[in-house]
Each structure stands twice: as structure tokens, then as C-alpha cells.
């Protein structure tokens, strides 16, 4: 007499084991990270926030016009953080992050676009080695506010300095 082995129960055990291992945090994907970016207490209106991980992996999000950003599912682990101004030539990072409202597909309802003003950020925050900002991304959603301090240059300051003009009297 042959003994039949229950093939169904073996498959069920393997399936449950796979589901259990998937659901217990084996993923390297972190939860969403949201926050606000300010300079001297005032919200930044454009730019980007970048998480720099060891091995050259980066994750970025644009800063919205309200100063908020939302990074969707960055990798888990510790990252140094930078804040960078928008690229005014390509429009990358120009107020396209944060709490974005859906845009109508009707041309007459499209918002009018204007050339964005330059956003200046102190140099130390643009470099992952000098920013002093870091985060450990977990598997859960979390908040990470960035409060920058320091003097930010304006476009006029740069032009005046190049032309030898100063504000000193």
C-alpha cells in the first residue's frame, strides 16, 4: 500500500513561511519621510532635500512652495541630508514637492507660471559632509523637519560683489 503525502499541506506551509518572512521587515524600503524646511525660521519655497546613503545611493524630494517635502519610500538606514536650491535652468526642484494640489487638464484652468526667484541656501547645507543633518530611516512613516540657520546671499549681493560694490559705508 502506498502512502500519499499531503502535497497541499507542504505548499501551504511554504506559502505561509514566505508571507511571514516578507511581513517581518526583511525589506530594505523605509517608510515615507515628510517634513518642513526653514531658513532662519522662514519656510523655503523651492529646492530639494536629498538623503545620501553609504555606497552612493541617494533619495531626493522637491520642496513645495509651503516649505514642505515628502520623500516616498526611501531606503532604510542612516543618511546624511542636504538641502539644495532649485535648478533655475531646468526647473528641477522649483516648488514641485510638498503638499501639491492636482492640476486641471483644461488649458484655461492651468496655473500661470512665472519665472521662479532664486533661492539661496548657506553652502554648508549643500554638502553631506558639512550639513550636520542626518536621519535614520525606519520602516515606519516619520517626520524630519530641517531648520537651517545662517546668512543666505541674494542674487544682487553676488552681482555687487563681482562688480566690487559693497554695502559698507
N, C-alpha and C. Protein backbone atom coordinates (compact mmCIF):
# COMPACT_ATOMS: atom_id res chain seq x y z
N UNK A 1 0.83 -1.17 0.00
CA UNK A 1 0.00 0.00 0.00
C UNK A 1 0.88 1.24 0.00
N UNK A 2 0.53 2.21 -0.86
CA UNK A 2 1.28 3.47 -0.96
C UNK A 2 0.69 4.50 -0.01
N UNK A 3 1.59 5.24 0.61
CA UNK A 3 1.14 6.31 1.50
C UNK A 3 1.21 7.62 0.70
N UNK A 4 0.10 8.32 0.64
CA UNK A 4 0.06 9.58 -0.07
C UNK A 4 0.49 10.69 0.88
N UNK A 5 1.43 11.45 0.42
CA UNK A 5 1.87 12.59 1.23
C UNK A 5 1.02 13.80 0.87
N UNK A 6 0.62 14.49 1.83
CA UNK A 6 -0.23 15.64 1.54
C UNK A 6 0.58 16.79 0.94
N UNK A 7 0.60 16.83 -0.37
CA UNK A 7 1.34 17.87 -1.10
C UNK A 7 0.74 19.24 -0.81
N UNK A 8 -0.56 19.29 -0.63
CA UNK A 8 -1.22 20.56 -0.35
C UNK A 8 -0.70 21.17 0.94
N UNK A 9 -0.53 20.41 1.98
CA UNK A 9 -0.10 20.96 3.27
C UNK A 9 1.35 21.45 3.19
N UNK A 10 2.22 20.80 2.41
CA UNK A 10 3.58 21.26 2.24
C UNK A 10 3.58 22.61 1.52
N UNK A 11 2.79 22.74 0.49
CA UNK A 11 2.70 24.01 -0.24
C UNK A 11 2.15 25.10 0.67
N UNK A 12 1.18 24.77 1.49
CA UNK A 12 0.60 25.77 2.41
C UNK A 12 1.64 26.24 3.42
N UNK A 13 2.44 25.34 3.94
CA UNK A 13 3.48 25.70 4.91
C UNK A 13 4.52 26.62 4.25
N UNK A 14 4.95 26.29 3.04
CA UNK A 14 5.92 27.12 2.35
C UNK A 14 5.36 28.50 2.02
N UNK A 15 4.10 28.56 1.63
CA UNK A 15 3.47 29.85 1.35
C UNK A 15 3.39 30.70 2.60
N UNK A 16 2.97 30.12 3.70
CA UNK A 16 2.89 30.86 4.96
C UNK A 16 4.27 31.32 5.42
N UNK A 17 5.28 30.50 5.23
CA UNK A 17 6.64 30.88 5.60
C UNK A 17 7.10 32.07 4.76
N UNK A 18 6.77 32.07 3.48
CA UNK A 18 7.14 33.19 2.62
C UNK A 18 6.43 34.47 3.01
N UNK A 19 5.15 34.37 3.32
CA UNK A 19 4.40 35.55 3.75
C UNK A 19 4.95 36.06 5.07
N UNK A 20 5.25 35.17 6.00
CA UNK A 20 5.77 35.58 7.30
C UNK A 20 7.12 36.28 7.16
N UNK A 21 8.01 35.75 6.32
CA UNK A 21 9.33 36.38 6.18
C UNK A 21 9.22 37.72 5.47
N UNK A 22 8.27 37.86 4.55
CA UNK A 22 8.09 39.14 3.86
C UNK A 22 7.54 40.19 4.81
N UNK A 23 6.64 39.81 5.68
CA UNK A 23 5.99 40.75 6.57
C UNK A 23 6.77 41.07 7.83
N UNK A 24 7.93 40.51 8.04
CA UNK A 24 8.65 40.74 9.29
C UNK A 24 9.81 41.70 9.13
N UNK A 25 9.81 42.50 8.09
CA UNK A 25 10.81 43.55 7.99
C UNK A 25 12.05 43.19 7.21
N UNK A 26 11.98 42.22 6.36
CA UNK A 26 13.14 41.86 5.54
C UNK A 26 13.38 42.90 4.44
N UNK A 27 12.40 43.75 4.20
CA UNK A 27 12.51 44.76 3.15
C UNK A 27 13.50 45.84 3.54
N UNK A 28 14.19 46.38 2.54
CA UNK A 28 15.13 47.49 2.77
C UNK A 28 14.48 48.82 2.45
N UNK A 29 13.18 48.79 2.18
CA UNK A 29 12.45 50.01 1.85
C UNK A 29 11.90 50.60 3.14
N UNK A 30 12.17 51.89 3.33
CA UNK A 30 11.69 52.57 4.53
C UNK A 30 10.31 53.16 4.33
N UNK A 31 9.79 53.70 5.42
CA UNK A 31 8.51 54.39 5.36
C UNK A 31 8.71 55.80 4.80
N UNK A 32 7.63 56.43 4.43
CA UNK A 32 7.69 57.79 3.89
C UNK A 32 8.27 58.75 4.94
N UNK A 33 8.99 59.76 4.47
CA UNK A 33 9.52 60.80 5.35
C UNK A 33 8.96 62.13 4.87
N UNK A 34 8.32 62.86 5.79
CA UNK A 34 7.78 64.17 5.47
C UNK A 34 8.36 65.19 6.45
N UNK A 35 8.35 66.43 6.04
CA UNK A 35 8.83 67.46 6.95
C UNK A 35 8.75 68.82 6.31
N UNK A 36 9.28 69.79 7.05
CA UNK A 36 9.33 71.16 6.54
C UNK A 36 10.78 71.63 6.54
N UNK A 37 11.07 72.58 5.67
CA UNK A 37 12.42 73.13 5.55
C UNK A 37 12.33 74.64 5.75
N UNK A 38 13.08 75.13 6.74
CA UNK A 38 13.09 76.57 7.02
C UNK A 38 14.51 77.10 7.03
N UNK A 39 14.63 78.38 6.76
CA UNK A 39 15.91 79.09 6.87
C UNK A 39 15.64 80.30 7.76
N UNK A 40 16.30 80.33 8.90
CA UNK A 40 16.10 81.39 9.89
C UNK A 40 14.63 81.56 10.24
N UNK A 41 13.92 80.42 10.37
CA UNK A 41 12.53 80.42 10.77
C UNK A 41 11.52 80.66 9.67
N UNK A 42 11.97 80.94 8.45
CA UNK A 42 11.06 81.19 7.33
C UNK A 42 11.07 79.98 6.39
N UNK A 43 9.87 79.54 5.93
CA UNK A 43 9.82 78.38 5.05
C UNK A 43 10.57 78.61 3.74
N UNK A 44 11.31 77.60 3.31
CA UNK A 44 11.91 77.62 1.97
C UNK A 44 10.76 77.41 0.99
N UNK A 45 10.83 78.02 -0.17
CA UNK A 45 9.73 77.92 -1.13
C UNK A 45 10.07 77.07 -2.34
N UNK A 46 11.30 76.59 -2.41
CA UNK A 46 11.73 75.76 -3.54
C UNK A 46 13.04 75.09 -3.15
N UNK A 47 13.48 74.19 -3.99
CA UNK A 47 14.72 73.47 -3.76
C UNK A 47 14.45 71.99 -3.60
N UNK A 48 15.44 71.28 -3.06
CA UNK A 48 15.26 69.84 -2.86
C UNK A 48 15.98 69.39 -1.61
N UNK A 49 15.47 68.31 -1.03
CA UNK A 49 16.07 67.64 0.12
C UNK A 49 16.60 66.30 -0.40
N UNK A 50 17.85 65.98 -0.11
CA UNK A 50 18.44 64.73 -0.57
C UNK A 50 19.01 63.96 0.60
N UNK A 51 18.69 62.66 0.67
CA UNK A 51 19.26 61.75 1.65
C UNK A 51 20.41 61.02 0.96
N UNK A 52 21.62 61.09 1.53
CA UNK A 52 22.82 60.47 0.95
C UNK A 52 23.21 59.27 1.81
N UNK A 53 23.13 58.07 1.25
CA UNK A 53 23.47 56.84 1.95
C UNK A 53 24.88 56.39 1.55
N UNK A 54 25.47 55.54 2.40
CA UNK A 54 26.77 54.95 2.04
C UNK A 54 26.59 54.14 0.77
N UNK A 55 27.63 54.08 -0.04
CA UNK A 55 27.57 53.32 -1.28
C UNK A 55 27.04 54.14 -2.45
N UNK A 56 26.79 55.43 -2.24
CA UNK A 56 26.38 56.28 -3.36
C UNK A 56 24.90 56.29 -3.66
N UNK A 57 24.08 55.69 -2.81
CA UNK A 57 22.64 55.70 -3.04
C UNK A 57 22.07 57.01 -2.50
N UNK A 58 21.25 57.68 -3.29
CA UNK A 58 20.61 58.93 -2.89
C UNK A 58 19.11 58.83 -3.10
N UNK A 59 18.36 59.57 -2.28
CA UNK A 59 16.92 59.70 -2.45
C UNK A 59 16.58 61.17 -2.27
N UNK A 60 15.79 61.74 -3.18
CA UNK A 60 15.50 63.18 -3.15
C UNK A 60 14.02 63.47 -3.25
N UNK A 61 13.65 64.64 -2.72
CA UNK A 61 12.28 65.14 -2.86
C UNK A 61 12.35 66.65 -3.03
N UNK A 62 11.43 67.19 -3.82
CA UNK A 62 11.36 68.63 -4.03
C UNK A 62 10.69 69.29 -2.83
N UNK A 63 11.09 70.52 -2.57
CA UNK A 63 10.48 71.32 -1.52
C UNK A 63 9.32 72.08 -2.15
N UNK A 64 8.15 71.99 -1.53
CA UNK A 64 6.97 72.68 -2.05
C UNK A 64 6.99 74.16 -1.71
N UNK A 65 6.10 74.90 -2.31
CA UNK A 65 6.04 76.34 -2.08
C UNK A 65 5.67 76.70 -0.65
N UNK A 66 5.15 75.73 0.10
CA UNK A 66 4.83 75.95 1.51
C UNK A 66 5.96 75.53 2.44
N UNK A 67 7.10 75.09 1.87
CA UNK A 67 8.25 74.68 2.67
C UNK A 67 8.24 73.21 3.05
N UNK A 68 7.26 72.45 2.61
CA UNK A 68 7.19 71.04 2.97
C UNK A 68 7.81 70.15 1.89
N UNK A 69 8.19 68.95 2.31
CA UNK A 69 8.67 67.94 1.35
C UNK A 69 8.10 66.59 1.76
N UNK A 70 8.08 65.66 0.83
CA UNK A 70 7.57 64.31 1.06
C UNK A 70 8.43 63.34 0.27
N UNK A 71 9.22 62.58 0.99
CA UNK A 71 10.09 61.59 0.35
C UNK A 71 9.40 60.23 0.46
N UNK A 72 9.08 59.63 -0.67
CA UNK A 72 8.31 58.40 -0.71
C UNK A 72 9.23 57.18 -0.70
N UNK A 73 9.08 56.37 0.34
CA UNK A 73 9.76 55.07 0.48
C UNK A 73 11.28 55.12 0.23
N UNK A 74 12.01 55.97 0.95
CA UNK A 74 13.47 55.94 0.80
C UNK A 74 14.02 54.66 1.42
N UNK A 75 15.26 54.30 1.13
CA UNK A 75 15.84 53.10 1.74
C UNK A 75 15.96 53.26 3.26
N UNK A 76 15.87 52.14 3.97
CA UNK A 76 16.10 52.15 5.42
C UNK A 76 17.58 52.40 5.68
N UNK A 77 17.88 52.99 6.83
CA UNK A 77 19.27 53.18 7.22
C UNK A 77 19.58 54.64 7.51
N UNK A 78 20.83 54.88 7.87
CA UNK A 78 21.27 56.22 8.21
C UNK A 78 21.77 56.94 6.97
N UNK A 79 21.35 58.19 6.85
CA UNK A 79 21.73 59.00 5.68
C UNK A 79 22.09 60.41 6.15
N UNK A 80 23.09 61.00 5.50
CA UNK A 80 23.37 62.42 5.67
C UNK A 80 22.40 63.17 4.77
N UNK A 81 21.98 64.35 5.20
CA UNK A 81 20.94 65.09 4.49
C UNK A 81 21.48 66.43 3.98
N UNK A 82 21.12 66.77 2.76
CA UNK A 82 21.47 68.08 2.20
C UNK A 82 20.21 68.79 1.71
N UNK A 83 20.32 70.11 1.62
CA UNK A 83 19.26 70.93 1.04
C UNK A 83 19.92 71.73 -0.07
N UNK A 84 19.30 71.69 -1.24
CA UNK A 84 19.90 72.36 -2.39
C UNK A 84 18.89 73.28 -3.05
N UNK A 85 19.38 74.37 -3.62
CA UNK A 85 18.46 75.29 -4.31
C UNK A 85 17.95 74.65 -5.60
N UNK A 86 16.85 75.19 -6.13
CA UNK A 86 16.34 74.64 -7.40
C UNK A 86 17.28 74.98 -8.54
N UNK A 87 17.22 74.16 -9.57
CA UNK A 87 17.96 74.44 -10.80
C UNK A 87 17.06 75.33 -11.65
N UNK A 88 17.37 76.61 -11.69
CA UNK A 88 16.51 77.56 -12.41
C UNK A 88 16.56 77.38 -13.91
N UNK A 89 17.57 76.68 -14.41
CA UNK A 89 17.65 76.43 -15.85
C UNK A 89 16.71 75.33 -16.29
N UNK A 90 16.59 74.27 -15.46
CA UNK A 90 15.74 73.13 -15.84
C UNK A 90 14.41 73.15 -15.12
N UNK A 91 14.32 73.92 -14.03
CA UNK A 91 13.09 73.94 -13.25
C UNK A 91 13.02 72.84 -12.22
N UNK A 92 14.04 71.98 -12.13
CA UNK A 92 14.03 70.90 -11.15
C UNK A 92 14.06 71.48 -9.74
N UNK A 93 13.15 70.99 -8.90
CA UNK A 93 13.10 71.43 -7.52
C UNK A 93 12.45 72.78 -7.32
N UNK A 94 11.68 73.24 -8.29
CA UNK A 94 11.03 74.54 -8.16
C UNK A 94 9.61 74.33 -7.66
N UNK A 95 9.47 74.28 -6.36
CA UNK A 95 8.15 74.21 -5.73
C UNK A 95 7.28 73.07 -6.16
N UNK A 96 7.86 71.96 -6.57
CA UNK A 96 7.03 70.86 -7.08
C UNK A 96 6.83 69.75 -6.06
N UNK A 97 7.30 69.94 -4.85
CA UNK A 97 7.13 68.90 -3.83
C UNK A 97 6.12 69.33 -2.80
N UNK A 98 6.24 68.73 -1.63
CA UNK A 98 5.38 69.11 -0.52
C UNK A 98 3.94 68.76 -0.78
N UNK A 99 3.06 69.64 -0.36
CA UNK A 99 1.63 69.42 -0.50
C UNK A 99 1.17 69.95 -1.85
N UNK A 100 1.25 69.11 -2.85
CA UNK A 100 0.95 69.51 -4.22
C UNK A 100 -0.53 69.31 -4.50
N UNK A 101 -1.16 70.32 -5.09
CA UNK A 101 -2.56 70.21 -5.48
C UNK A 101 -2.62 69.70 -6.91
N UNK A 102 -3.60 68.84 -7.22
CA UNK A 102 -3.72 68.34 -8.59
C UNK A 102 -3.97 69.50 -9.56
N UNK A 103 -3.43 69.36 -10.76
CA UNK A 103 -3.57 70.39 -11.77
C UNK A 103 -4.61 69.93 -12.78
N UNK A 104 -5.47 70.83 -13.19
CA UNK A 104 -6.50 70.53 -14.16
C UNK A 104 -5.88 70.25 -15.52
N UNK A 105 -6.56 69.43 -16.31
CA UNK A 105 -6.08 69.15 -17.66
C UNK A 105 -6.60 70.18 -18.65
N UNK A 106 -7.54 71.04 -18.23
CA UNK A 106 -8.06 72.08 -19.11
C UNK A 106 -7.06 73.22 -19.17
N UNK A 107 -6.70 73.63 -20.37
CA UNK A 107 -5.71 74.69 -20.55
C UNK A 107 -6.15 75.98 -19.87
N UNK A 108 -7.43 76.29 -19.91
CA UNK A 108 -7.91 77.55 -19.32
C UNK A 108 -7.80 77.53 -17.80
N UNK A 109 -7.69 76.35 -17.19
CA UNK A 109 -7.61 76.25 -15.74
C UNK A 109 -6.19 76.02 -15.25
N UNK A 110 -5.23 75.97 -16.15
CA UNK A 110 -3.84 75.76 -15.76
C UNK A 110 -3.33 76.99 -15.02
N UNK A 111 -2.55 76.80 -13.94
CA UNK A 111 -1.99 77.96 -13.27
C UNK A 111 -0.97 78.65 -14.16
N UNK A 112 -0.91 79.97 -14.06
CA UNK A 112 0.06 80.72 -14.84
C UNK A 112 1.42 80.56 -14.17
N UNK A 113 2.41 80.26 -14.98
CA UNK A 113 3.75 80.07 -14.43
C UNK A 113 4.56 81.34 -14.59
N UNK A 114 5.34 81.61 -13.59
CA UNK A 114 6.25 82.74 -13.65
C UNK A 114 7.64 82.22 -13.37
N UNK A 115 8.63 82.98 -13.79
CA UNK A 115 10.00 82.55 -13.56
C UNK A 115 10.25 82.59 -12.05
N UNK A 116 10.71 81.48 -11.47
CA UNK A 116 10.92 81.45 -10.03
C UNK A 116 12.08 82.33 -9.62
N UNK A 117 11.96 82.88 -8.43
CA UNK A 117 13.04 83.68 -7.86
C UNK A 117 14.14 82.74 -7.39
N UNK A 118 15.39 83.18 -7.44
CA UNK A 118 16.48 82.35 -6.92
C UNK A 118 16.30 82.10 -5.43
N UNK A 119 16.64 80.91 -5.00
CA UNK A 119 16.58 80.54 -3.59
C UNK A 119 18.01 80.28 -3.15
N UNK A 120 18.46 81.01 -2.15
CA UNK A 120 19.83 80.87 -1.69
C UNK A 120 19.87 80.11 -0.38
N UNK A 121 20.77 79.17 -0.31
CA UNK A 121 20.94 78.30 0.86
C UNK A 121 22.39 78.39 1.30
N UNK A 122 22.63 78.54 2.61
CA UNK A 122 24.03 78.56 3.07
C UNK A 122 24.78 77.33 2.57
N UNK A 123 26.02 77.54 2.11
CA UNK A 123 26.81 76.48 1.48
C UNK A 123 26.94 75.22 2.32
N UNK A 124 27.03 75.35 3.64
CA UNK A 124 27.25 74.17 4.47
C UNK A 124 26.14 73.14 4.32
N UNK A 125 24.91 73.57 4.03
CA UNK A 125 23.78 72.64 3.92
C UNK A 125 23.73 71.92 2.57
N UNK A 126 24.57 72.33 1.62
CA UNK A 126 24.58 71.72 0.29
C UNK A 126 25.51 70.52 0.20
N UNK A 127 26.30 70.29 1.25
CA UNK A 127 27.31 69.22 1.24
C UNK A 127 27.00 68.21 2.34
N UNK A 128 26.90 66.91 2.00
CA UNK A 128 26.56 65.91 3.02
C UNK A 128 27.60 65.80 4.14
N UNK A 129 28.83 66.23 3.87
CA UNK A 129 29.88 66.14 4.89
C UNK A 129 29.84 67.32 5.86
N UNK A 130 29.23 68.44 5.46
CA UNK A 130 29.24 69.63 6.31
C UNK A 130 27.86 70.07 6.78
N UNK A 131 26.80 69.44 6.30
CA UNK A 131 25.45 69.91 6.62
C UNK A 131 25.11 69.75 8.10
N UNK A 132 25.67 68.74 8.74
CA UNK A 132 25.32 68.47 10.13
C UNK A 132 23.95 67.85 10.29
N UNK A 133 23.33 67.46 9.18
CA UNK A 133 21.99 66.87 9.19
C UNK A 133 22.08 65.38 8.87
N UNK A 134 21.41 64.57 9.68
CA UNK A 134 21.34 63.13 9.37
C UNK A 134 20.03 62.57 9.91
N UNK A 135 19.65 61.45 9.32
CA UNK A 135 18.41 60.77 9.70
C UNK A 135 18.63 59.27 9.63
N UNK A 136 17.97 58.54 10.49
CA UNK A 136 17.93 57.08 10.37
C UNK A 136 16.51 56.73 9.95
N UNK A 137 16.37 56.29 8.71
CA UNK A 137 15.07 55.95 8.16
C UNK A 137 14.67 54.56 8.65
N UNK A 138 13.46 54.47 9.19
CA UNK A 138 12.94 53.19 9.68
C UNK A 138 11.91 52.67 8.69
N UNK A 139 11.26 51.58 9.05
CA UNK A 139 10.22 51.01 8.20
C UNK A 139 8.89 51.71 8.34
N UNK A 140 8.78 52.62 9.31
CA UNK A 140 7.53 53.35 9.54
C UNK A 140 7.62 54.76 8.95
N UNK A 141 6.47 55.35 8.70
CA UNK A 141 6.44 56.74 8.26
C UNK A 141 6.98 57.61 9.38
N UNK A 142 7.71 58.64 9.03
CA UNK A 142 8.27 59.51 10.06
C UNK A 142 8.38 60.93 9.55
N UNK A 143 8.60 61.86 10.50
CA UNK A 143 8.74 63.26 10.20
C UNK A 143 10.16 63.70 10.49
N UNK A 144 10.70 64.58 9.62
CA UNK A 144 12.05 65.11 9.79
C UNK A 144 12.05 66.55 9.31
N UNK A 145 11.94 67.48 10.26
CA UNK A 145 11.97 68.90 9.93
C UNK A 145 13.41 69.39 9.88
N UNK A 146 13.69 70.29 8.94
CA UNK A 146 15.04 70.83 8.76
C UNK A 146 14.99 72.33 9.01
N UNK A 147 15.66 72.74 10.08
CA UNK A 147 15.70 74.16 10.46
C UNK A 147 17.11 74.68 10.22
N UNK A 148 17.32 75.32 9.08
CA UNK A 148 18.64 75.85 8.75
C UNK A 148 18.80 77.25 9.33
N UNK A 149 20.03 77.60 9.65
CA UNK A 149 20.33 78.95 10.11
C UNK A 149 21.53 79.46 9.34
N UNK A 150 21.67 80.76 9.29
CA UNK A 150 22.82 81.34 8.62
C UNK A 150 22.40 82.40 7.65
N UNK A 151 23.40 83.07 7.12
CA UNK A 151 23.15 84.15 6.18
C UNK A 151 23.03 83.57 4.77
N UNK A 152 21.97 83.92 4.12
CA UNK A 152 21.77 83.50 2.74
C UNK A 152 22.02 84.69 1.84
N UNK A 153 22.80 84.46 0.81
CA UNK A 153 23.11 85.52 -0.14
C UNK A 153 21.95 85.70 -1.10
N UNK A 154 21.86 86.88 -1.66
CA UNK A 154 20.86 87.12 -2.71
C UNK A 154 21.60 87.28 -4.03
N UNK A 155 20.87 87.22 -5.11
CA UNK A 155 21.45 87.38 -6.45
C UNK A 155 22.10 88.76 -6.56
N UNK A 156 21.47 89.79 -5.98
CA UNK A 156 22.01 91.15 -6.01
C UNK A 156 23.35 91.21 -5.29
N UNK A 157 23.47 90.53 -4.12
CA UNK A 157 24.74 90.51 -3.38
C UNK A 157 25.85 89.95 -4.24
N UNK A 158 25.57 88.85 -4.96
CA UNK A 158 26.59 88.23 -5.81
C UNK A 158 27.04 89.19 -6.91
N UNK A 159 26.09 89.87 -7.56
CA UNK A 159 26.43 90.79 -8.64
C UNK A 159 27.23 91.97 -8.11
N UNK A 160 26.82 92.51 -6.95
CA UNK A 160 27.54 93.63 -6.36
C UNK A 160 28.96 93.24 -5.98
N UNK A 161 29.12 92.05 -5.41
CA UNK A 161 30.46 91.60 -5.02
C UNK A 161 31.36 91.42 -6.24
N UNK A 162 30.81 90.92 -7.33
CA UNK A 162 31.59 90.71 -8.55
C UNK A 162 32.00 92.06 -9.18
N UNK A 163 31.16 93.08 -8.97
CA UNK A 163 31.43 94.39 -9.52
C UNK A 163 32.23 95.28 -8.55
N UNK A 164 32.62 94.72 -7.40
CA UNK A 164 33.41 95.47 -6.44
C UNK A 164 32.61 96.39 -5.55
N UNK A 165 31.27 96.28 -5.59
CA UNK A 165 30.44 97.11 -4.73
C UNK A 165 30.21 96.40 -3.40
N UNK A 166 30.13 97.14 -2.36
CA UNK A 166 29.80 96.59 -1.04
C UNK A 166 28.82 97.50 -0.37
N UNK A 167 28.16 96.99 0.67
CA UNK A 167 27.19 97.79 1.42
C UNK A 167 27.86 98.58 2.53
N UNK A 168 29.18 98.45 2.72
CA UNK A 168 29.87 99.14 3.80
C UNK A 168 29.90 100.64 3.51
N UNK A 169 29.64 101.42 4.55
CA UNK A 169 29.62 102.88 4.39
C UNK A 169 30.75 103.50 5.15
